[in-house]
Amino acid sequence: MNKSELIDAIAARTELSKAASGKALDAVVEAIVEAVSAGDTVSLVGFGSFKSAPRAAREGKNPKTGEKIKIPATTVPKFSAGATFKTTVAEATKGKKKK
């Protein structure tokens, strides 16, 4: 599902126009990004939590040359799925083969 398909699904479930649904989706995503960027955790009960986490500096390899490179420390966004989300996905995929 891409963004426009998600907007269509929101519009169908909420009886909002596609334009209003798009604005609402953009506002939600923007609010989550701003909060996580500020170091806050965004918890949506049943769905999951968005937070930022530090990633330590490490040594890597250039895949083309094999040369060792230093990868600097950084902060990355993390998502942890909630229990309801995990259960729903697990039940929906029971018996389905992975591609």
PDB file of N, CA and C in Angstrom:
ATOM      1  N   MET A   1       0.860  -1.177   0.000  1.00  0.00           N
ATOM      2  CA  MET A   1       0.000   0.000   0.000  1.00  0.00           C
ATOM      3  C   MET A   1       0.902   1.233   0.000  1.00  0.00           C
ATOM      4  N   ASN A   2       0.637   2.145  -0.911  1.00  0.00           N
ATOM      5  CA  ASN A   2       1.400   3.388  -0.939  1.00  0.00           C
ATOM      6  C   ASN A   2       0.567   4.515  -0.313  1.00  0.00           C
ATOM      7  N   LYS A   3       1.129   5.713  -0.318  1.00  0.00           N
ATOM      8  CA  LYS A   3       0.476   6.836   0.364  1.00  0.00           C
ATOM      9  C   LYS A   3      -0.905   7.136  -0.223  1.00  0.00           C
ATOM     10  N   SER A   4      -1.026   7.158  -1.541  1.00  0.00           N
ATOM     11  CA  SER A   4      -2.330   7.490  -2.133  1.00  0.00           C
ATOM     12  C   SER A   4      -3.372   6.412  -1.825  1.00  0.00           C
ATOM     13  N   GLU A   5      -2.950   5.146  -1.774  1.00  0.00           N
ATOM     14  CA  GLU A   5      -3.881   4.076  -1.401  1.00  0.00           C
ATOM     15  C   GLU A   5      -4.289   4.201   0.065  1.00  0.00           C
ATOM     16  N   LEU A   6      -3.364   4.623   0.920  1.00  0.00           N
ATOM     17  CA  LEU A   6      -3.686   4.834   2.331  1.00  0.00           C
ATOM     18  C   LEU A   6      -4.668   5.992   2.485  1.00  0.00           C
ATOM     19  N   ILE A   7      -4.468   7.047   1.725  1.00  0.00           N
ATOM     20  CA  ILE A   7      -5.402   8.185   1.755  1.00  0.00           C
ATOM     21  C   ILE A   7      -6.792   7.732   1.312  1.00  0.00           C
ATOM     22  N   ASP A   8      -6.865   6.910   0.270  1.00  0.00           N
ATOM     23  CA  ASP A   8      -8.158   6.380  -0.188  1.00  0.00           C
ATOM     24  C   ASP A   8      -8.831   5.559   0.914  1.00  0.00           C
ATOM     25  N   ALA A   9      -8.056   4.734   1.620  1.00  0.00           N
ATOM     26  CA  ALA A   9      -8.605   3.909   2.702  1.00  0.00           C
ATOM     27  C   ALA A   9      -9.111   4.780   3.852  1.00  0.00           C
ATOM     28  N   ILE A  10      -8.360   5.822   4.184  1.00  0.00           N
ATOM     29  CA  ILE A  10      -8.784   6.739   5.248  1.00  0.00           C
ATOM     30  C   ILE A  10     -10.081   7.434   4.846  1.00  0.00           C
ATOM     31  N   ALA A  11     -10.142   7.911   3.603  1.00  0.00           N
ATOM     32  CA  ALA A  11     -11.331   8.604   3.111  1.00  0.00           C
ATOM     33  C   ALA A  11     -12.554   7.683   3.154  1.00  0.00           C
ATOM     34  N   ALA A  12     -12.385   6.439   2.776  1.00  0.00           N
ATOM     35  CA  ALA A  12     -13.505   5.491   2.766  1.00  0.00           C
ATOM     36  C   ALA A  12     -13.998   5.173   4.174  1.00  0.00           C
ATOM     37  N   ARG A  13     -13.080   5.094   5.129  1.00  0.00           N
ATOM     38  CA  ARG A  13     -13.471   4.727   6.497  1.00  0.00           C
ATOM     39  C   ARG A  13     -13.991   5.899   7.316  1.00  0.00           C
ATOM     40  N   THR A  14     -13.613   7.115   6.950  1.00  0.00           N
ATOM     41  CA  THR A  14     -13.978   8.271   7.768  1.00  0.00           C
ATOM     42  C   THR A  14     -15.014   9.184   7.123  1.00  0.00           C
ATOM     43  N   GLU A  15     -15.360   8.931   5.882  1.00  0.00           N
ATOM     44  CA  GLU A  15     -16.274   9.781   5.128  1.00  0.00           C
ATOM     45  C   GLU A  15     -15.726  11.193   4.936  1.00  0.00           C
ATOM     46  N   LEU A  16     -14.398  11.340   5.034  1.00  0.00           N
ATOM     47  CA  LEU A  16     -13.743  12.610   4.717  1.00  0.00           C
ATOM     48  C   LEU A  16     -13.407  12.599   3.236  1.00  0.00           C
ATOM     49  N   SER A  17     -13.184  13.784   2.679  1.00  0.00           N
ATOM     50  CA  SER A  17     -12.748  13.843   1.286  1.00  0.00           C
ATOM     51  C   SER A  17     -11.317  13.338   1.202  1.00  0.00           C
ATOM     52  N   LYS A  18     -10.882  13.015  -0.006  1.00  0.00           N
ATOM     53  CA  LYS A  18      -9.499  12.563  -0.183  1.00  0.00           C
ATOM     54  C   LYS A  18      -8.528  13.682   0.186  1.00  0.00           C
ATOM     55  N   ALA A  19      -8.877  14.926  -0.127  1.00  0.00           N
ATOM     56  CA  ALA A  19      -8.012  16.059   0.209  1.00  0.00           C
ATOM     57  C   ALA A  19      -7.876  16.205   1.721  1.00  0.00           C
ATOM     58  N   ALA A  20      -8.989  16.095   2.432  1.00  0.00           N
ATOM     59  CA  ALA A  20      -8.964  16.210   3.898  1.00  0.00           C
ATOM     60  C   ALA A  20      -8.209  15.022   4.509  1.00  0.00           C
ATOM     61  N   SER A  21      -8.404  13.843   3.939  1.00  0.00           N
ATOM     62  CA  SER A  21      -7.699  12.660   4.431  1.00  0.00           C
ATOM     63  C   SER A  21      -6.197  12.796   4.224  1.00  0.00           C
ATOM     64  N   GLY A  22      -5.799  13.341   3.083  1.00  0.00           N
ATOM     65  CA  GLY A  22      -4.380  13.571   2.804  1.00  0.00           C
ATOM     66  C   GLY A  22      -3.775  14.561   3.778  1.00  0.00           C
ATOM     67  N   LYS A  23      -4.502  15.632   4.075  1.00  0.00           N
ATOM     68  CA  LYS A  23      -4.014  16.630   5.043  1.00  0.00           C
ATOM     69  C   LYS A  23      -3.895  16.017   6.435  1.00  0.00           C
ATOM     70  N   ALA A  24      -4.875  15.195   6.810  1.00  0.00           N
ATOM     71  CA  ALA A  24      -4.846  14.548   8.125  1.00  0.00           C
ATOM     72  C   ALA A  24      -3.656  13.596   8.224  1.00  0.00           C
ATOM     73  N   LEU A  25      -3.432  12.795   7.193  1.00  0.00           N
ATOM     74  CA  LEU A  25      -2.297  11.871   7.188  1.00  0.00           C
ATOM     75  C   LEU A  25      -0.976  12.630   7.270  1.00  0.00           C
ATOM     76  N   ASP A  26      -0.850  13.685   6.470  1.00  0.00           N
ATOM     77  CA  ASP A  26       0.375  14.499   6.503  1.00  0.00           C
ATOM     78  C   ASP A  26       0.604  15.104   7.883  1.00  0.00           C
ATOM     79  N   ALA A  27      -0.481  15.560   8.530  1.00  0.00           N
ATOM     80  CA  ALA A  27      -0.365  16.159   9.858  1.00  0.00           C
ATOM     81  C   ALA A  27       0.083  15.130  10.889  1.00  0.00           C
ATOM     82  N   VAL A  28      -0.448  13.911  10.807  1.00  0.00           N
ATOM     83  CA  VAL A  28      -0.068  12.852  11.749  1.00  0.00           C
ATOM     84  C   VAL A  28       1.410  12.499  11.573  1.00  0.00           C
ATOM     85  N   VAL A  29       1.825  12.291  10.335  1.00  0.00           N
ATOM     86  CA  VAL A  29       3.221  11.938  10.062  1.00  0.00           C
ATOM     87  C   VAL A  29       4.153  13.058  10.512  1.00  0.00           C
ATOM     88  N   GLU A  30       3.793  14.294  10.213  1.00  0.00           N
ATOM     89  CA  GLU A  30       4.609  15.447  10.612  1.00  0.00           C
ATOM     90  C   GLU A  30       4.737  15.537  12.133  1.00  0.00           C
ATOM     91  N   ALA A  31       3.643  15.318  12.842  1.00  0.00           N
ATOM     92  CA  ALA A  31       3.666  15.382  14.306  1.00  0.00           C
ATOM     93  C   ALA A  31       4.556  14.281  14.882  1.00  0.00           C
ATOM     94  N   ILE A  32       4.486  13.084  14.314  1.00  0.00           N
ATOM     95  CA  ILE A  32       5.327  11.977  14.786  1.00  0.00           C
ATOM     96  C   ILE A  32       6.791  12.289  14.537  1.00  0.00           C
ATOM     97  N   VAL A  33       7.121  12.758  13.336  1.00  0.00           N
ATOM     98  CA  VAL A  33       8.511  13.088  12.995  1.00  0.00           C
ATOM     99  C   VAL A  33       9.055  14.177  13.917  1.00  0.00           C
ATOM    100  N   GLU A  34       8.272  15.213  14.155  1.00  0.00           N
ATOM    101  CA  GLU A  34       8.716  16.307  15.034  1.00  0.00           C
ATOM    102  C   GLU A  34       8.964  15.813  16.457  1.00  0.00           C
ATOM    103  N   ALA A  35       8.041  14.997  16.978  1.00  0.00           N
ATOM    104  CA  ALA A  35       8.181  14.505  18.349  1.00  0.00           C
ATOM    105  C   ALA A  35       9.399  13.599  18.490  1.00  0.00           C
ATOM    106  N   VAL A  36       9.574  12.670  17.573  1.00  0.00           N
ATOM    107  CA  VAL A  36      10.708  11.740  17.648  1.00  0.00           C
ATOM    108  C   VAL A  36      12.026  12.497  17.439  1.00  0.00           C
ATOM    109  N   SER A  37      12.028  13.493  16.554  1.00  0.00           N
ATOM    110  CA  SER A  37      13.224  14.309  16.337  1.00  0.00           C
ATOM    111  C   SER A  37      13.619  15.067  17.593  1.00  0.00           C
ATOM    112  N   ALA A  38      12.622  15.424  18.397  1.00  0.00           N
ATOM    113  CA  ALA A  38      12.874  16.149  19.641  1.00  0.00           C
ATOM    114  C   ALA A  38      13.261  15.218  20.786  1.00  0.00           C
ATOM    115  N   GLY A  39      13.289  13.902  20.525  1.00  0.00           N
ATOM    116  CA  GLY A  39      13.673  12.940  21.547  1.00  0.00           C
ATOM    117  C   GLY A  39      12.515  12.332  22.311  1.00  0.00           C
ATOM    118  N   ASP A  40      11.293  12.682  21.934  1.00  0.00           N
ATOM    119  CA  ASP A  40      10.109  12.130  22.600  1.00  0.00           C
ATOM    120  C   ASP A  40       9.750  10.767  22.017  1.00  0.00           C
ATOM    121  N   THR A  41       8.942  10.015  22.743  1.00  0.00           N
ATOM    122  CA  THR A  41       8.400   8.755  22.261  1.00  0.00           C
ATOM    123  C   THR A  41       6.933   8.975  21.950  1.00  0.00           C
ATOM    124  N   VAL A  42       6.490   8.478  20.802  1.00  0.00           N
ATOM    125  CA  VAL A  42       5.083   8.563  20.423  1.00  0.00           C
ATOM    126  C   VAL A  42       4.505   7.157  20.549  1.00  0.00           C
ATOM    127  N   SER A  43       3.563   6.973  21.473  1.00  0.00           N
ATOM    128  CA  SER A  43       2.952   5.667  21.706  1.00  0.00           C
ATOM    129  C   SER A  43       1.503   5.680  21.264  1.00  0.00           C
ATOM    130  N   LEU A  44       1.168   4.776  20.362  1.00  0.00           N
ATOM    131  CA  LEU A  44      -0.202   4.601  19.913  1.00  0.00           C
ATOM    132  C   LEU A  44      -0.621   3.213  20.403  1.00  0.00           C
ATOM    133  N   VAL A  45      -1.393   3.175  21.483  1.00  0.00           N
ATOM    134  CA  VAL A  45      -1.750   1.921  22.146  1.00  0.00           C
ATOM    135  C   VAL A  45      -2.370   0.953  21.143  1.00  0.00           C
ATOM    136  N   GLY A  46      -1.848  -0.252  21.118  1.00  0.00           N
ATOM    137  CA  GLY A  46      -2.330  -1.283  20.208  1.00  0.00           C
ATOM    138  C   GLY A  46      -1.619  -1.279  18.867  1.00  0.00           C
ATOM    139  N   PHE A  47      -1.101  -0.122  18.457  1.00  0.00           N
ATOM    140  CA  PHE A  47      -0.406  -0.021  17.172  1.00  0.00           C
ATOM    141  C   PHE A  47       1.098  -0.138  17.348  1.00  0.00           C
ATOM    142  N   GLY A  48       1.668   0.747  18.175  1.00  0.00           N
ATOM    143  CA  GLY A  48       3.108   0.683  18.401  1.00  0.00           C
ATOM    144  C   GLY A  48       3.675   1.985  18.913  1.00  0.00           C
ATOM    145  N   SER A  49       4.999   2.018  19.015  1.00  0.00           N
ATOM    146  CA  SER A  49       5.703   3.194  19.532  1.00  0.00           C
ATOM    147  C   SER A  49       6.816   3.600  18.588  1.00  0.00           C
ATOM    148  N   PHE A  50       6.950   4.896  18.409  1.00  0.00           N
ATOM    149  CA  PHE A  50       8.026   5.484  17.622  1.00  0.00           C
ATOM    150  C   PHE A  50       8.966   6.178  18.602  1.00  0.00           C
ATOM    151  N   LYS A  51      10.267   5.982  18.460  1.00  0.00           N
ATOM    152  CA  LYS A  51      11.227   6.656  19.322  1.00  0.00           C
ATOM    153  C   LYS A  51      12.548   6.798  18.585  1.00  0.00           C
ATOM    154  N   SER A  52      13.445   7.580  19.173  1.00  0.00           N
ATOM    155  CA  SER A  52      14.777   7.708  18.592  1.00  0.00           C
ATOM    156  C   SER A  52      15.743   6.899  19.451  1.00  0.00           C
ATOM    157  N   ALA A  53      16.782   6.386  18.805  1.00  0.00           N
ATOM    158  CA  ALA A  53      17.762   5.571  19.516  1.00  0.00           C
ATOM    159  C   ALA A  53      19.155   5.876  18.964  1.00  0.00           C
ATOM    160  N   PRO A  54      20.153   5.916  19.842  1.00  0.00           N
ATOM    161  CA  PRO A  54      21.514   6.164  19.368  1.00  0.00           C
ATOM    162  C   PRO A  54      22.082   4.923  18.679  1.00  0.00           C
ATOM    163  N   ARG A  55      22.878   5.144  17.659  1.00  0.00           N
ATOM    164  CA  ARG A  55      23.593   4.053  17.000  1.00  0.00           C
ATOM    165  C   ARG A  55      25.077   4.361  17.133  1.00  0.00           C
ATOM    166  N   ALA A  56      25.821   3.453  17.702  1.00  0.00           N
ATOM    167  CA  ALA A  56      27.240   3.661  17.982  1.00  0.00           C
ATOM    168  C   ALA A  56      28.051   3.723  16.686  1.00  0.00           C
ATOM    169  N   ALA A  57      29.200   4.374  16.774  1.00  0.00           N
ATOM    170  CA  ALA A  57      30.127   4.402  15.645  1.00  0.00           C
ATOM    171  C   ALA A  57      30.643   2.981  15.430  1.00  0.00           C
ATOM    172  N   ARG A  58      30.932   2.653  14.206  1.00  0.00           N
ATOM    173  CA  ARG A  58      31.422   1.315  13.912  1.00  0.00           C
ATOM    174  C   ARG A  58      32.280   1.338  12.648  1.00  0.00           C
ATOM    175  N   GLU A  59      32.909   0.212  12.401  1.00  0.00           N
ATOM    176  CA  GLU A  59      33.737   0.093  11.215  1.00  0.00           C
ATOM    177  C   GLU A  59      32.993  -0.750  10.196  1.00  0.00           C
ATOM    178  N   GLY A  60      33.009  -0.310   8.949  1.00  0.00           N
ATOM    179  CA  GLY A  60      32.345  -1.050   7.884  1.00  0.00           C
ATOM    180  C   GLY A  60      33.298  -1.277   6.737  1.00  0.00           C
ATOM    181  N   LYS A  61      32.760  -1.848   5.657  1.00  0.00           N
ATOM    182  CA  LYS A  61      33.565  -2.110   4.463  1.00  0.00           C
ATOM    183  C   LYS A  61      32.877  -1.530   3.258  1.00  0.00           C
ATOM    184  N   ASN A  62      33.672  -0.918   2.376  1.00  0.00           N
ATOM    185  CA  ASN A  62      33.162  -0.470   1.098  1.00  0.00           C
ATOM    186  C   ASN A  62      32.955  -1.734   0.260  1.00  0.00           C
ATOM    187  N   PRO A  63      31.719  -2.015  -0.181  1.00  0.00           N
ATOM    188  CA  PRO A  63      31.466  -3.264  -0.894  1.00  0.00           C
ATOM    189  C   PRO A  63      32.203  -3.371  -2.232  1.00  0.00           C
ATOM    190  N   LYS A  64      32.491  -2.240  -2.860  1.00  0.00           N
ATOM    191  CA  LYS A  64      33.192  -2.276  -4.147  1.00  0.00           C
ATOM    192  C   LYS A  64      34.675  -2.566  -3.986  1.00  0.00           C
ATOM    193  N   THR A  65      35.316  -1.889  -3.037  1.00  0.00           N
ATOM    194  CA  THR A  65      36.770  -1.985  -2.915  1.00  0.00           C
ATOM    195  C   THR A  65      37.228  -2.873  -1.768  1.00  0.00           C
ATOM    196  N   GLY A  66      36.336  -3.137  -0.819  1.00  0.00           N
ATOM    197  CA  GLY A  66      36.727  -3.916   0.355  1.00  0.00           C
ATOM    198  C   GLY A  66      37.470  -3.070   1.381  1.00  0.00           C
ATOM    199  N   GLU A  67      37.642  -1.794   1.084  1.00  0.00           N
ATOM    200  CA  GLU A  67      38.347  -0.875   1.978  1.00  0.00           C
ATOM    201  C   GLU A  67      37.539  -0.652   3.250  1.00  0.00           C
ATOM    202  N   LYS A  68      38.214  -0.643   4.397  1.00  0.00           N
ATOM    203  CA  LYS A  68      37.547  -0.388   5.674  1.00  0.00           C
ATOM    204  C   LYS A  68      37.234   1.100   5.777  1.00  0.00           C
ATOM    205  N   ILE A  69      36.025   1.393   6.265  1.00  0.00           N
ATOM    206  CA  ILE A  69      35.623   2.780   6.462  1.00  0.00           C
ATOM    207  C   ILE A  69      35.043   2.931   7.860  1.00  0.00           C
ATOM    208  N   LYS A  70      35.110   4.150   8.380  1.00  0.00           N
ATOM    209  CA  LYS A  70      34.532   4.431   9.690  1.00  0.00           C
ATOM    210  C   LYS A  70      33.135   5.014   9.480  1.00  0.00           C
ATOM    211  N   ILE A  71      32.167   4.412  10.164  1.00  0.00           N
ATOM    212  CA  ILE A  71      30.789   4.893  10.111  1.00  0.00           C
ATOM    213  C   ILE A  71      30.545   5.636  11.414  1.00  0.00           C
ATOM    214  N   PRO A  72      30.219   6.933  11.326  1.00  0.00           N
ATOM    215  CA  PRO A  72      30.069   7.724  12.552  1.00  0.00           C
ATOM    216  C   PRO A  72      28.819   7.358  13.355  1.00  0.00           C
ATOM    217  N   ALA A  73      28.845   7.707  14.629  1.00  0.00           N
ATOM    218  CA  ALA A  73      27.677   7.512  15.500  1.00  0.00           C
ATOM    219  C   ALA A  73      26.561   8.429  15.011  1.00  0.00           C
ATOM    220  N   THR A  74      25.338   7.999  15.208  1.00  0.00           N
ATOM    221  CA  THR A  74      24.190   8.794  14.795  1.00  0.00           C
ATOM    222  C   THR A  74      22.976   8.406  15.631  1.00  0.00           C
ATOM    223  N   THR A  75      21.890   9.114  15.447  1.00  0.00           N
ATOM    224  CA  THR A  75      20.630   8.793  16.086  1.00  0.00           C
ATOM    225  C   THR A  75      19.648   8.403  14.995  1.00  0.00           C
ATOM    226  N   VAL A  76      18.947   7.295  15.195  1.00  0.00           N
ATOM    227  CA  VAL A  76      18.028   6.778  14.184  1.00  0.00           C
ATOM    228  C   VAL A  76      16.631   6.590  14.768  1.00  0.00           C
ATOM    229  N   PRO A  77      15.598   6.673  13.927  1.00  0.00           N
ATOM    230  CA  PRO A  77      14.245   6.396  14.411  1.00  0.00           C
ATOM    231  C   PRO A  77      14.031   4.896  14.532  1.00  0.00           C
ATOM    232  N   LYS A  78      13.228   4.501  15.522  1.00  0.00           N
ATOM    233  CA  LYS A  78      12.895   3.089  15.737  1.00  0.00           C
ATOM    234  C   LYS A  78      11.384   2.972  15.900  1.00  0.00           C
ATOM    235  N   PHE A  79      10.832   1.856  15.434  1.00  0.00           N
ATOM    236  CA  PHE A  79       9.418   1.566  15.616  1.00  0.00           C
ATOM    237  C   PHE A  79       9.289   0.203  16.265  1.00  0.00           C
ATOM    238  N   SER A  80       8.473   0.111  17.298  1.00  0.00           N
ATOM    239  CA  SER A  80       8.180  -1.166  17.952  1.00  0.00           C
ATOM    240  C   SER A  80       6.684  -1.408  17.832  1.00  0.00           C
ATOM    241  N   ALA A  81       6.312  -2.500  17.197  1.00  0.00           N
ATOM    242  CA  ALA A  81       4.897  -2.815  17.011  1.00  0.00           C
ATOM    243  C   ALA A  81       4.252  -3.173  18.339  1.00  0.00           C
ATOM    244  N   GLY A  82       2.993  -2.764  18.507  1.00  0.00           N
ATOM    245  CA  GLY A  82       2.236  -3.069  19.714  1.00  0.00           C
ATOM    246  C   GLY A  82       1.685  -4.489  19.672  1.00  0.00           C
ATOM    247  N   ALA A  83       1.231  -4.956  20.811  1.00  0.00           N
ATOM    248  CA  ALA A  83       0.743  -6.329  20.944  1.00  0.00           C
ATOM    249  C   ALA A  83      -0.439  -6.617  20.017  1.00  0.00           C
ATOM    250  N   THR A  84      -1.387  -5.706  19.928  1.00  0.00           N
ATOM    251  CA  THR A  84      -2.557  -5.921  19.074  1.00  0.00           C
ATOM    252  C   THR A  84      -2.142  -6.011  17.610  1.00  0.00           C
ATOM    253  N   PHE A  85      -1.236  -5.132  17.191  1.00  0.00           N
ATOM    254  CA  PHE A  85      -0.731  -5.131  15.823  1.00  0.00           C
ATOM    255  C   PHE A  85      -0.033  -6.459  15.528  1.00  0.00           C
ATOM    256  N   LYS A  86       0.833  -6.898  16.421  1.00  0.00           N
ATOM    257  CA  LYS A  86       1.571  -8.151  16.233  1.00  0.00           C
ATOM    258  C   LYS A  86       0.611  -9.337  16.128  1.00  0.00           C
ATOM    259  N   THR A  87      -0.374  -9.389  17.011  1.00  0.00           N
ATOM    260  CA  THR A  87      -1.330 -10.489  17.024  1.00  0.00           C
ATOM    261  C   THR A  87      -2.151 -10.518  15.737  1.00  0.00           C
ATOM    262  N   THR A  88      -2.605  -9.358  15.296  1.00  0.00           N
ATOM    263  CA  THR A  88      -3.412  -9.281  14.078  1.00  0.00           C
ATOM    264  C   THR A  88      -2.620  -9.756  12.864  1.00  0.00           C
ATOM    265  N   VAL A  89      -1.374  -9.329  12.752  1.00  0.00           N
ATOM    266  CA  VAL A  89      -0.529  -9.740  11.626  1.00  0.00           C
ATOM    267  C   VAL A  89      -0.258 -11.241  11.685  1.00  0.00           C
ATOM    268  N   ALA A  90       0.046 -11.738  12.865  1.00  0.00           N
ATOM    269  CA  ALA A  90       0.337 -13.171  13.017  1.00  0.00           C
ATOM    270  C   ALA A  90      -0.869 -14.024  12.627  1.00  0.00           C
ATOM    271  N   GLU A  91      -2.062 -13.617  13.045  1.00  0.00           N
ATOM    272  CA  GLU A  91      -3.266 -14.380  12.735  1.00  0.00           C
ATOM    273  C   GLU A  91      -3.608 -14.295  11.244  1.00  0.00           C
ATOM    274  N   ALA A  92      -3.390 -13.135  10.645  1.00  0.00           N
ATOM    275  CA  ALA A  92      -3.709 -12.953   9.229  1.00  0.00           C
ATOM    276  C   ALA A  92      -2.758 -13.717   8.318  1.00  0.00           C
ATOM    277  N   THR A  93      -1.556 -13.986   8.791  1.00  0.00           N
ATOM    278  CA  THR A  93      -0.565 -14.655   7.952  1.00  0.00           C
ATOM    279  C   THR A  93      -0.420 -16.144   8.259  1.00  0.00           C
ATOM    280  N   LYS A  94      -1.211 -16.671   9.189  1.00  0.00           N
ATOM    281  CA  LYS A  94      -1.146 -18.108   9.496  1.00  0.00           C
ATOM    282  C   LYS A  94      -1.492 -18.906   8.238  1.00  0.00           C
ATOM    283  N   GLY A  95      -0.652 -19.860   7.936  1.00  0.00           N
ATOM    284  CA  GLY A  95      -0.902 -20.718   6.795  1.00  0.00           C
ATOM    285  C   GLY A  95      -0.478 -20.155   5.458  1.00  0.00           C
ATOM    286  N   LYS A  96      -0.111 -18.876   5.408  1.00  0.00           N
ATOM    287  CA  LYS A  96       0.356 -18.288   4.148  1.00  0.00           C
ATOM    288  C   LYS A  96       1.840 -18.528   4.010  1.00  0.00           C
ATOM    289  N   LYS A  97       2.269 -18.842   2.805  1.00  0.00           N
ATOM    290  CA  LYS A  97       3.681 -19.059   2.552  1.00  0.00           C
ATOM    291  C   LYS A  97       4.366 -17.732   2.268  1.00  0.00           C
ATOM    292  N   LYS A  98       5.618 -17.633   2.729  1.00  0.00           N
ATOM    293  CA  LYS A  98       6.407 -16.437   2.436  1.00  0.00           C
ATOM    294  C   LYS A  98       6.876 -16.500   0.998  1.00  0.00           C
ATOM    295  N   LYS A  99       6.975 -15.319   0.376  1.00  0.00           N
ATOM    296  CA  LYS A  99       7.446 -15.241  -1.022  1.00  0.00           C
ATOM    297  C   LYS A  99       8.944 -15.236  -1.070  1.00  0.00           C
TER     298      LYS A  99
END
